[in-house]
């Protein structure tokens, strides 16, 4: 007789697996192990989702036979090939966009450097859809002099990769004759933390990532930067022009 393991279903597709204990029938042959999947999500008329659910149903009724050595060799149906047009990720329509927290710290540090007469002009740059203008307006309100919006229809959290952003910024740095680039260490959607190092490599500039403290030295020709590390912190000196990425302890944005 098959006895079912007590496990409540969840609201995710195919995350609840009802496992059945394997016993022996009266003739001594092993009983089959049946894998069941439950789906408590709302029904969808999408053909792509229907194909995916149909595959899950095929997977659910797959019977796995136990060998005499109690080893299992499952045979699963191949998953359907979903078209690339299937929408993925967070729905961004009618969603208010705000500045990335690490980039907000970078803007604050740039404003403070201008107040110390280290910088003469601050330019905020944002790469993204039309809604990214809200981010530039926030930077202008914090004390930035100019804003540049590189508009694209690509999703910033999925389709715009760090290397592409680094190449765009490198061209902009050459055009604007910039002497210092300050970025947030990472975005809070992709969490890649790659744009600043890639930009420094493309420009051939020194870099100071995960900055927790920035102090101008040598008559504003260099920066002394305290970096966050896995074992604590370290202090290094970089000559300008340079690329700096900001960490949380650097400052508190106004």
C-alpha atoms as a PDB file:
ATOM      1  CA  UNK A   1       0.000   0.000   0.000  1.00  0.00           C
ATOM      2  CA  UNK A   2       1.281   3.481  -0.845  1.00  0.00           C
ATOM      3  CA  UNK A   3       1.370   6.022   1.965  1.00  0.00           C
ATOM      4  CA  UNK A   4       1.738   9.716   1.167  1.00  0.00           C
ATOM      5  CA  UNK A   5       4.249  12.002   2.909  1.00  0.00           C
ATOM      6  CA  UNK A   6       2.484  14.986   4.495  1.00  0.00           C
ATOM      7  CA  UNK A   7       3.730  18.189   2.843  1.00  0.00           C
ATOM      8  CA  UNK A   8       1.477  21.208   2.218  1.00  0.00           C
ATOM      9  CA  UNK A   9       1.373  22.627  -1.313  1.00  0.00           C
ATOM     10  CA  UNK A  10       2.929  26.030  -1.928  1.00  0.00           C
ATOM     11  CA  UNK A  11       1.929  28.785  -4.334  1.00  0.00           C
ATOM     12  CA  UNK A  12       4.826  28.219  -6.702  1.00  0.00           C
ATOM     13  CA  UNK A  13       4.604  26.152  -9.855  1.00  0.00           C
ATOM     14  CA  UNK A  14       5.976  22.645  -9.396  1.00  0.00           C
ATOM     15  CA  UNK A  15       7.679  23.324  -6.060  1.00  0.00           C
ATOM     16  CA  UNK A  16       5.551  20.898  -4.059  1.00  0.00           C
ATOM     17  CA  UNK A  17       6.524  17.315  -4.758  1.00  0.00           C
ATOM     18  CA  UNK A  18       4.262  14.708  -3.195  1.00  0.00           C
ATOM     19  CA  UNK A  19       6.632  11.833  -2.496  1.00  0.00           C
ATOM     20  CA  UNK A  20       5.247   8.333  -2.077  1.00  0.00           C
ATOM     21  CA  UNK A  21       7.062   5.763  -0.010  1.00  0.00           C
ATOM     22  CA  UNK A  22       8.188   2.676  -1.864  1.00  0.00           C
ATOM     23  CA  UNK A  23       7.210  -0.663  -0.374  1.00  0.00           C
ATOM     24  CA  UNK A  24       6.993  -4.215  -1.655  1.00  0.00           C
ATOM     25  CA  UNK A  25       3.952  -5.829  -3.117  1.00  0.00           C
ATOM     26  CA  UNK A  26       2.711  -9.242  -2.116  1.00  0.00           C
ATOM     27  CA  UNK A  27       4.852 -10.921  -4.760  1.00  0.00           C
ATOM     28  CA  UNK A  28       8.034  -9.177  -3.510  1.00  0.00           C
ATOM     29  CA  UNK A  29       8.476  -6.813  -6.509  1.00  0.00           C
ATOM     30  CA  UNK A  30       9.224  -3.170  -5.751  1.00  0.00           C
ATOM     31  CA  UNK A  31       6.358  -0.716  -6.089  1.00  0.00           C
ATOM     32  CA  UNK A  32       6.705   2.295  -8.420  1.00  0.00           C
ATOM     33  CA  UNK A  33       7.541   5.722  -7.080  1.00  0.00           C
ATOM     34  CA  UNK A  34       5.125   8.348  -8.366  1.00  0.00           C
ATOM     35  CA  UNK A  35       6.184  12.002  -8.437  1.00  0.00           C
ATOM     36  CA  UNK A  36       3.336  14.494  -8.207  1.00  0.00           C
ATOM     37  CA  UNK A  37       3.481  18.240  -8.733  1.00  0.00           C
ATOM     38  CA  UNK A  38       0.734  20.643  -7.728  1.00  0.00           C
ATOM     39  CA  UNK A  39       0.107  24.058  -9.215  1.00  0.00           C
ATOM     40  CA  UNK A  40      -1.828  26.558  -7.052  1.00  0.00           C
ATOM     41  CA  UNK A  41      -1.206  29.557  -9.290  1.00  0.00           C
ATOM     42  CA  UNK A  42      -4.009  31.213 -11.194  1.00  0.00           C
ATOM     43  CA  UNK A  43      -4.731  29.821 -14.637  1.00  0.00           C
ATOM     44  CA  UNK A  44      -3.327  31.557 -17.695  1.00  0.00           C
ATOM     45  CA  UNK A  45      -4.459  31.459 -21.303  1.00  0.00           C
ATOM     46  CA  UNK A  46      -0.936  32.058 -22.562  1.00  0.00           C
ATOM     47  CA  UNK A  47       0.124  29.358 -25.003  1.00  0.00           C
ATOM     48  CA  UNK A  48       3.666  29.452 -23.711  1.00  0.00           C
ATOM     49  CA  UNK A  49       2.587  28.938 -20.121  1.00  0.00           C
ATOM     50  CA  UNK A  50       0.174  26.216 -21.169  1.00  0.00           C
ATOM     51  CA  UNK A  51       3.049  24.406 -22.879  1.00  0.00           C
ATOM     52  CA  UNK A  52       5.152  24.732 -19.745  1.00  0.00           C
ATOM     53  CA  UNK A  53       2.351  23.447 -17.496  1.00  0.00           C
ATOM     54  CA  UNK A  54       1.710  20.553 -19.888  1.00  0.00           C
ATOM     55  CA  UNK A  55       5.370  19.590 -19.569  1.00  0.00           C
ATOM     56  CA  UNK A  56       5.078  19.776 -15.789  1.00  0.00           C
ATOM     57  CA  UNK A  57       2.056  17.487 -15.957  1.00  0.00           C
ATOM     58  CA  UNK A  58       4.053  14.989 -18.017  1.00  0.00           C
ATOM     59  CA  UNK A  59       6.781  15.212 -15.441  1.00  0.00           C
ATOM     60  CA  UNK A  60       4.253  14.673 -12.659  1.00  0.00           C
ATOM     61  CA  UNK A  61       3.021  11.360 -13.999  1.00  0.00           C
ATOM     62  CA  UNK A  62       6.491   9.989 -14.758  1.00  0.00           C
ATOM     63  CA  UNK A  63       6.853   6.695 -12.921  1.00  0.00           C
ATOM     64  CA  UNK A  64      10.237   5.796 -11.483  1.00  0.00           C
ATOM     65  CA  UNK A  65      10.823   2.116 -10.818  1.00  0.00           C
ATOM     66  CA  UNK A  66      13.119   1.030  -8.019  1.00  0.00           C
ATOM     67  CA  UNK A  67      15.790  -1.504  -8.895  1.00  0.00           C
ATOM     68  CA  UNK A  68      16.660  -4.389  -6.544  1.00  0.00           C
ATOM     69  CA  UNK A  69      19.583  -2.284  -5.285  1.00  0.00           C
ATOM     70  CA  UNK A  70      17.083   0.506  -4.449  1.00  0.00           C
ATOM     71  CA  UNK A  71      18.616   2.826  -7.009  1.00  0.00           C
ATOM     72  CA  UNK A  72      16.404   5.069  -9.096  1.00  0.00           C
ATOM     73  CA  UNK A  73      16.807   5.936 -12.746  1.00  0.00           C
ATOM     74  CA  UNK A  74      14.252   8.643 -13.585  1.00  0.00           C
ATOM     75  CA  UNK A  75      13.153   9.386 -17.126  1.00  0.00           C
ATOM     76  CA  UNK A  76      11.781  12.884 -17.543  1.00  0.00           C
ATOM     77  CA  UNK A  77      10.140  14.430 -20.611  1.00  0.00           C
ATOM     78  CA  UNK A  78      12.081  17.194 -22.335  1.00  0.00           C
ATOM     79  CA  UNK A  79      10.917  20.705 -21.392  1.00  0.00           C
ATOM     80  CA  UNK A  80       9.252  22.747 -24.125  1.00  0.00           C
ATOM     81  CA  UNK A  81      11.281  25.367 -25.941  1.00  0.00           C
ATOM     82  CA  UNK A  82       9.778  28.706 -24.956  1.00  0.00           C
ATOM     83  CA  UNK A  83      10.094  31.589 -27.428  1.00  0.00           C
ATOM     84  CA  UNK A  84      12.393  34.482 -26.431  1.00  0.00           C
ATOM     85  CA  UNK A  85       9.384  36.820 -26.598  1.00  0.00           C
ATOM     86  CA  UNK A  86       7.989  35.407 -23.346  1.00  0.00           C
ATOM     87  CA  UNK A  87       8.106  38.345 -20.893  1.00  0.00           C
ATOM     88  CA  UNK A  88      10.314  37.783 -17.864  1.00  0.00           C
ATOM     89  CA  UNK A  89      11.211  39.815 -14.800  1.00  0.00           C
ATOM     90  CA  UNK A  90       9.437  42.608 -12.962  1.00  0.00           C
ATOM     91  CA  UNK A  91       6.698  44.587 -14.709  1.00  0.00           C
ATOM     92  CA  UNK A  92       8.021  48.154 -15.045  1.00  0.00           C
ATOM     93  CA  UNK A  93       4.991  49.896 -16.563  1.00  0.00           C
ATOM     94  CA  UNK A  94       3.696  52.769 -14.407  1.00  0.00           C
ATOM     95  CA  UNK A  95       6.444  52.175 -11.857  1.00  0.00           C
ATOM     96  CA  UNK A  96       8.227  55.184 -10.384  1.00  0.00           C
ATOM     97  CA  UNK A  97      11.997  54.999 -10.904  1.00  0.00           C
ATOM     98  CA  UNK A  98      14.394  56.136  -8.208  1.00  0.00           C
ATOM     99  CA  UNK A  99      18.166  56.487  -8.007  1.00  0.00           C
ATOM    100  CA  UNK A 100      20.245  53.459  -7.118  1.00  0.00           C
ATOM    101  CA  UNK A 101      21.351  53.889  -3.452  1.00  0.00           C
ATOM    102  CA  UNK A 102      25.051  53.410  -4.243  1.00  0.00           C
ATOM    103  CA  UNK A 103      24.826  55.922  -7.098  1.00  0.00           C
ATOM    104  CA  UNK A 104      23.143  58.361  -4.726  1.00  0.00           C
ATOM    105  CA  UNK A 105      26.202  58.076  -2.474  1.00  0.00           C
ATOM    106  CA  UNK A 106      28.414  58.727  -5.522  1.00  0.00           C
ATOM    107  CA  UNK A 107      26.479  61.903  -6.344  1.00  0.00           C
ATOM    108  CA  UNK A 108      26.785  63.099  -2.748  1.00  0.00           C
ATOM    109  CA  UNK A 109      30.549  62.517  -2.757  1.00  0.00           C
ATOM    110  CA  UNK A 110      30.920  64.419  -6.033  1.00  0.00           C
ATOM    111  CA  UNK A 111      29.026  67.375  -4.556  1.00  0.00           C
ATOM    112  CA  UNK A 112      31.275  67.321  -1.493  1.00  0.00           C
ATOM    113  CA  UNK A 113      34.391  67.305  -3.678  1.00  0.00           C
ATOM    114  CA  UNK A 114      33.071  70.342  -5.530  1.00  0.00           C
ATOM    115  CA  UNK A 115      32.462  72.084  -2.210  1.00  0.00           C
ATOM    116  CA  UNK A 116      36.134  71.394  -1.356  1.00  0.00           C
ATOM    117  CA  UNK A 117      37.163  73.005  -4.687  1.00  0.00           C
ATOM    118  CA  UNK A 118      38.481  69.685  -5.970  1.00  0.00           C
ATOM    119  CA  UNK A 119      35.916  69.517  -8.784  1.00  0.00           C
ATOM    120  CA  UNK A 120      34.720  72.399 -10.937  1.00  0.00           C
ATOM    121  CA  UNK A 121      31.712  70.754 -12.602  1.00  0.00           C
ATOM    122  CA  UNK A 122      29.600  67.674 -11.886  1.00  0.00           C
ATOM    123  CA  UNK A 123      27.879  65.762 -14.690  1.00  0.00           C
ATOM    124  CA  UNK A 124      25.338  63.049 -13.866  1.00  0.00           C
ATOM    125  CA  UNK A 125      24.898  60.296 -16.453  1.00  0.00           C
ATOM    126  CA  UNK A 126      22.091  57.764 -16.659  1.00  0.00           C
ATOM    127  CA  UNK A 127      21.671  54.942 -19.190  1.00  0.00           C
ATOM    128  CA  UNK A 128      18.129  53.682 -19.502  1.00  0.00           C
ATOM    129  CA  UNK A 129      14.590  54.289 -20.774  1.00  0.00           C
ATOM    130  CA  UNK A 130      12.688  57.561 -20.692  1.00  0.00           C
ATOM    131  CA  UNK A 131      11.854  57.085 -17.001  1.00  0.00           C
ATOM    132  CA  UNK A 132      15.562  57.508 -16.172  1.00  0.00           C
ATOM    133  CA  UNK A 133      15.017  61.267 -16.476  1.00  0.00           C
ATOM    134  CA  UNK A 134      13.577  61.126 -12.954  1.00  0.00           C
ATOM    135  CA  UNK A 135      16.960  59.929 -11.699  1.00  0.00           C
ATOM    136  CA  UNK A 136      18.773  62.809 -13.408  1.00  0.00           C
ATOM    137  CA  UNK A 137      16.343  65.306 -11.907  1.00  0.00           C
ATOM    138  CA  UNK A 138      17.099  63.890  -8.469  1.00  0.00           C
ATOM    139  CA  UNK A 139      20.834  64.362  -9.084  1.00  0.00           C
ATOM    140  CA  UNK A 140      20.284  67.946 -10.223  1.00  0.00           C
ATOM    141  CA  UNK A 141      18.333  68.629  -7.054  1.00  0.00           C
ATOM    142  CA  UNK A 142      21.272  67.308  -5.002  1.00  0.00           C
ATOM    143  CA  UNK A 143      23.697  69.809  -6.562  1.00  0.00           C
ATOM    144  CA  UNK A 144      24.787  68.367  -9.906  1.00  0.00           C
ATOM    145  CA  UNK A 145      25.492  70.943 -12.639  1.00  0.00           C
ATOM    146  CA  UNK A 146      24.458  68.990 -15.737  1.00  0.00           C
ATOM    147  CA  UNK A 147      22.743  65.758 -16.627  1.00  0.00           C
ATOM    148  CA  UNK A 148      23.202  63.481 -19.645  1.00  0.00           C
ATOM    149  CA  UNK A 149      20.607  60.846 -20.476  1.00  0.00           C
ATOM    150  CA  UNK A 150      21.635  58.021 -22.819  1.00  0.00           C
ATOM    151  CA  UNK A 151      18.196  56.755 -23.788  1.00  0.00           C
ATOM    152  CA  UNK A 152      17.601  53.135 -24.747  1.00  0.00           C
ATOM    153  CA  UNK A 153      14.573  50.871 -24.980  1.00  0.00           C
ATOM    154  CA  UNK A 154      16.486  47.959 -23.431  1.00  0.00           C
ATOM    155  CA  UNK A 155      15.643  46.898 -19.889  1.00  0.00           C
ATOM    156  CA  UNK A 156      18.334  48.169 -17.512  1.00  0.00           C
ATOM    157  CA  UNK A 157      17.897  45.216 -15.143  1.00  0.00           C
ATOM    158  CA  UNK A 158      18.227  42.492 -17.794  1.00  0.00           C
ATOM    159  CA  UNK A 159      19.374  43.555 -21.246  1.00  0.00           C
ATOM    160  CA  UNK A 160      21.920  46.310 -20.558  1.00  0.00           C
ATOM    161  CA  UNK A 161      25.138  44.588 -19.527  1.00  0.00           C
ATOM    162  CA  UNK A 162      27.972  46.235 -17.495  1.00  0.00           C
ATOM    163  CA  UNK A 163      30.402  46.130 -20.413  1.00  0.00           C
ATOM    164  CA  UNK A 164      27.973  48.041 -22.642  1.00  0.00           C
ATOM    165  CA  UNK A 165      27.520  50.717 -19.957  1.00  0.00           C
ATOM    166  CA  UNK A 166      31.295  50.920 -19.438  1.00  0.00           C
ATOM    167  CA  UNK A 167      31.882  51.451 -23.175  1.00  0.00           C
ATOM    168  CA  UNK A 168      29.242  54.200 -23.294  1.00  0.00           C
ATOM    169  CA  UNK A 169      30.774  55.946 -20.289  1.00  0.00           C
ATOM    170  CA  UNK A 170      34.277  55.635 -21.749  1.00  0.00           C
ATOM    171  CA  UNK A 171      33.206  57.486 -24.905  1.00  0.00           C
ATOM    172  CA  UNK A 172      31.469  60.115 -22.825  1.00  0.00           C
ATOM    173  CA  UNK A 173      34.538  60.594 -20.603  1.00  0.00           C
ATOM    174  CA  UNK A 174      36.707  61.211 -23.665  1.00  0.00           C
ATOM    175  CA  UNK A 175      34.197  63.681 -25.110  1.00  0.00           C
ATOM    176  CA  UNK A 176      33.644  65.663 -21.892  1.00  0.00           C
ATOM    177  CA  UNK A 177      37.350  65.640 -20.834  1.00  0.00           C
ATOM    178  CA  UNK A 178      36.487  64.252 -17.396  1.00  0.00           C
ATOM    179  CA  UNK A 179      39.177  63.978 -14.709  1.00  0.00           C
ATOM    180  CA  UNK A 180      37.345  61.786 -12.158  1.00  0.00           C
ATOM    181  CA  UNK A 181      34.520  59.258 -12.487  1.00  0.00           C
ATOM    182  CA  UNK A 182      32.570  58.253  -9.368  1.00  0.00           C
ATOM    183  CA  UNK A 183      30.054  55.413  -9.632  1.00  0.00           C
ATOM    184  CA  UNK A 184      28.014  53.332  -7.250  1.00  0.00           C
ATOM    185  CA  UNK A 185      29.777  50.044  -6.603  1.00  0.00           C
ATOM    186  CA  UNK A 186      26.808  48.066  -7.979  1.00  0.00           C
ATOM    187  CA  UNK A 187      23.177  48.297  -8.957  1.00  0.00           C
ATOM    188  CA  UNK A 188      20.568  46.802  -6.684  1.00  0.00           C
ATOM    189  CA  UNK A 189      18.899  44.855  -9.503  1.00  0.00           C
ATOM    190  CA  UNK A 190      21.824  43.141 -11.249  1.00  0.00           C
ATOM    191  CA  UNK A 191      24.357  43.374  -8.374  1.00  0.00           C
ATOM    192  CA  UNK A 192      27.189  42.822 -10.863  1.00  0.00           C
ATOM    193  CA  UNK A 193      29.681  45.418  -9.512  1.00  0.00           C
ATOM    194  CA  UNK A 194      31.523  45.295 -12.850  1.00  0.00           C
ATOM    195  CA  UNK A 195      30.937  48.655 -14.530  1.00  0.00           C
ATOM    196  CA  UNK A 196      33.582  50.618 -12.585  1.00  0.00           C
ATOM    197  CA  UNK A 197      36.433  48.086 -13.060  1.00  0.00           C
ATOM    198  CA  UNK A 198      35.583  47.671 -16.745  1.00  0.00           C
ATOM    199  CA  UNK A 199      35.490  51.440 -17.256  1.00  0.00           C
ATOM    200  CA  UNK A 200      38.898  51.838 -15.600  1.00  0.00           C
ATOM    201  CA  UNK A 201      40.311  49.114 -17.837  1.00  0.00           C
ATOM    202  CA  UNK A 202      38.889  50.721 -20.995  1.00  0.00           C
ATOM    203  CA  UNK A 203      40.282  54.138 -20.032  1.00  0.00           C
ATOM    204  CA  UNK A 204      43.597  52.826 -18.702  1.00  0.00           C
ATOM    205  CA  UNK A 205      43.004  54.718 -15.436  1.00  0.00           C
ATOM    206  CA  UNK A 206      43.716  53.638 -11.851  1.00  0.00           C
ATOM    207  CA  UNK A 207      40.691  52.476  -9.897  1.00  0.00           C
ATOM    208  CA  UNK A 208      39.609  52.432  -6.252  1.00  0.00           C
ATOM    209  CA  UNK A 209      36.542  50.257  -5.757  1.00  0.00           C
ATOM    210  CA  UNK A 210      34.262  49.909  -2.707  1.00  0.00           C
ATOM    211  CA  UNK A 211      35.391  53.269  -1.355  1.00  0.00           C
ATOM    212  CA  UNK A 212      34.468  53.993   2.282  1.00  0.00           C
ATOM    213  CA  UNK A 213      36.532  57.194   2.491  1.00  0.00           C
ATOM    214  CA  UNK A 214      37.923  59.641  -0.095  1.00  0.00           C
ATOM    215  CA  UNK A 215      40.466  62.346   0.763  1.00  0.00           C
ATOM    216  CA  UNK A 216      42.153  64.655  -1.803  1.00  0.00           C
ATOM    217  CA  UNK A 217      45.958  64.750  -1.451  1.00  0.00           C
ATOM    218  CA  UNK A 218      48.985  66.189  -3.305  1.00  0.00           C
ATOM    219  CA  UNK A 219      47.303  69.509  -4.101  1.00  0.00           C
ATOM    220  CA  UNK A 220      44.201  67.724  -5.452  1.00  0.00           C
ATOM    221  CA  UNK A 221      46.271  65.702  -7.919  1.00  0.00           C
ATOM    222  CA  UNK A 222      45.555  62.388  -6.194  1.00  0.00           C
ATOM    223  CA  UNK A 223      43.051  60.716  -3.878  1.00  0.00           C
ATOM    224  CA  UNK A 224      43.630  58.702  -0.737  1.00  0.00           C
ATOM    225  CA  UNK A 225      40.890  56.083  -0.652  1.00  0.00           C
ATOM    226  CA  UNK A 226      39.871  53.730   2.123  1.00  0.00           C
ATOM    227  CA  UNK A 227      38.473  50.540   0.592  1.00  0.00           C
ATOM    228  CA  UNK A 228      36.104  47.980   2.063  1.00  0.00           C
ATOM    229  CA  UNK A 229      37.519  44.438   1.847  1.00  0.00           C
ATOM    230  CA  UNK A 230      36.403  41.002   2.998  1.00  0.00           C
ATOM    231  CA  UNK A 231      38.864  41.148   5.893  1.00  0.00           C
ATOM    232  CA  UNK A 232      38.363  44.792   6.907  1.00  0.00           C
ATOM    233  CA  UNK A 233      39.625  47.826   5.016  1.00  0.00           C
ATOM    234  CA  UNK A 234      42.722  49.075   3.235  1.00  0.00           C
ATOM    235  CA  UNK A 235      44.015  52.514   2.294  1.00  0.00           C
ATOM    236  CA  UNK A 236      45.520  53.237  -1.095  1.00  0.00           C
ATOM    237  CA  UNK A 237      46.463  56.252  -3.170  1.00  0.00           C
ATOM    238  CA  UNK A 238      45.395  56.787  -6.774  1.00  0.00           C
ATOM    239  CA  UNK A 239      46.549  59.555  -9.089  1.00  0.00           C
ATOM    240  CA  UNK A 240      43.985  61.498 -11.051  1.00  0.00           C
ATOM    241  CA  UNK A 241      42.346  60.888 -13.464  1.00  0.00           C
ATOM    242  CA  UNK A 242      40.831  57.820 -11.786  1.00  0.00           C
ATOM    243  CA  UNK A 243      37.671  55.745 -11.355  1.00  0.00           C
ATOM    244  CA  UNK A 244      36.123  55.379  -7.886  1.00  0.00           C
ATOM    245  CA  UNK A 245      33.165  53.216  -6.905  1.00  0.00           C
ATOM    246  CA  UNK A 246      31.341  54.016  -3.664  1.00  0.00           C
ATOM    247  CA  UNK A 247      30.358  51.805  -0.754  1.00  0.00           C
ATOM    248  CA  UNK A 248      27.745  52.412   1.928  1.00  0.00           C
ATOM    249  CA  UNK A 249      30.050  53.839   4.611  1.00  0.00           C
ATOM    250  CA  UNK A 250      31.354  56.644   2.390  1.00  0.00           C
ATOM    251  CA  UNK A 251      28.688  59.207   3.271  1.00  0.00           C
ATOM    252  CA  UNK A 252      25.022  59.871   3.962  1.00  0.00           C
ATOM    253  CA  UNK A 253      23.286  61.533   0.977  1.00  0.00           C
ATOM    254  CA  UNK A 254      21.515  64.807   1.685  1.00  0.00           C
END
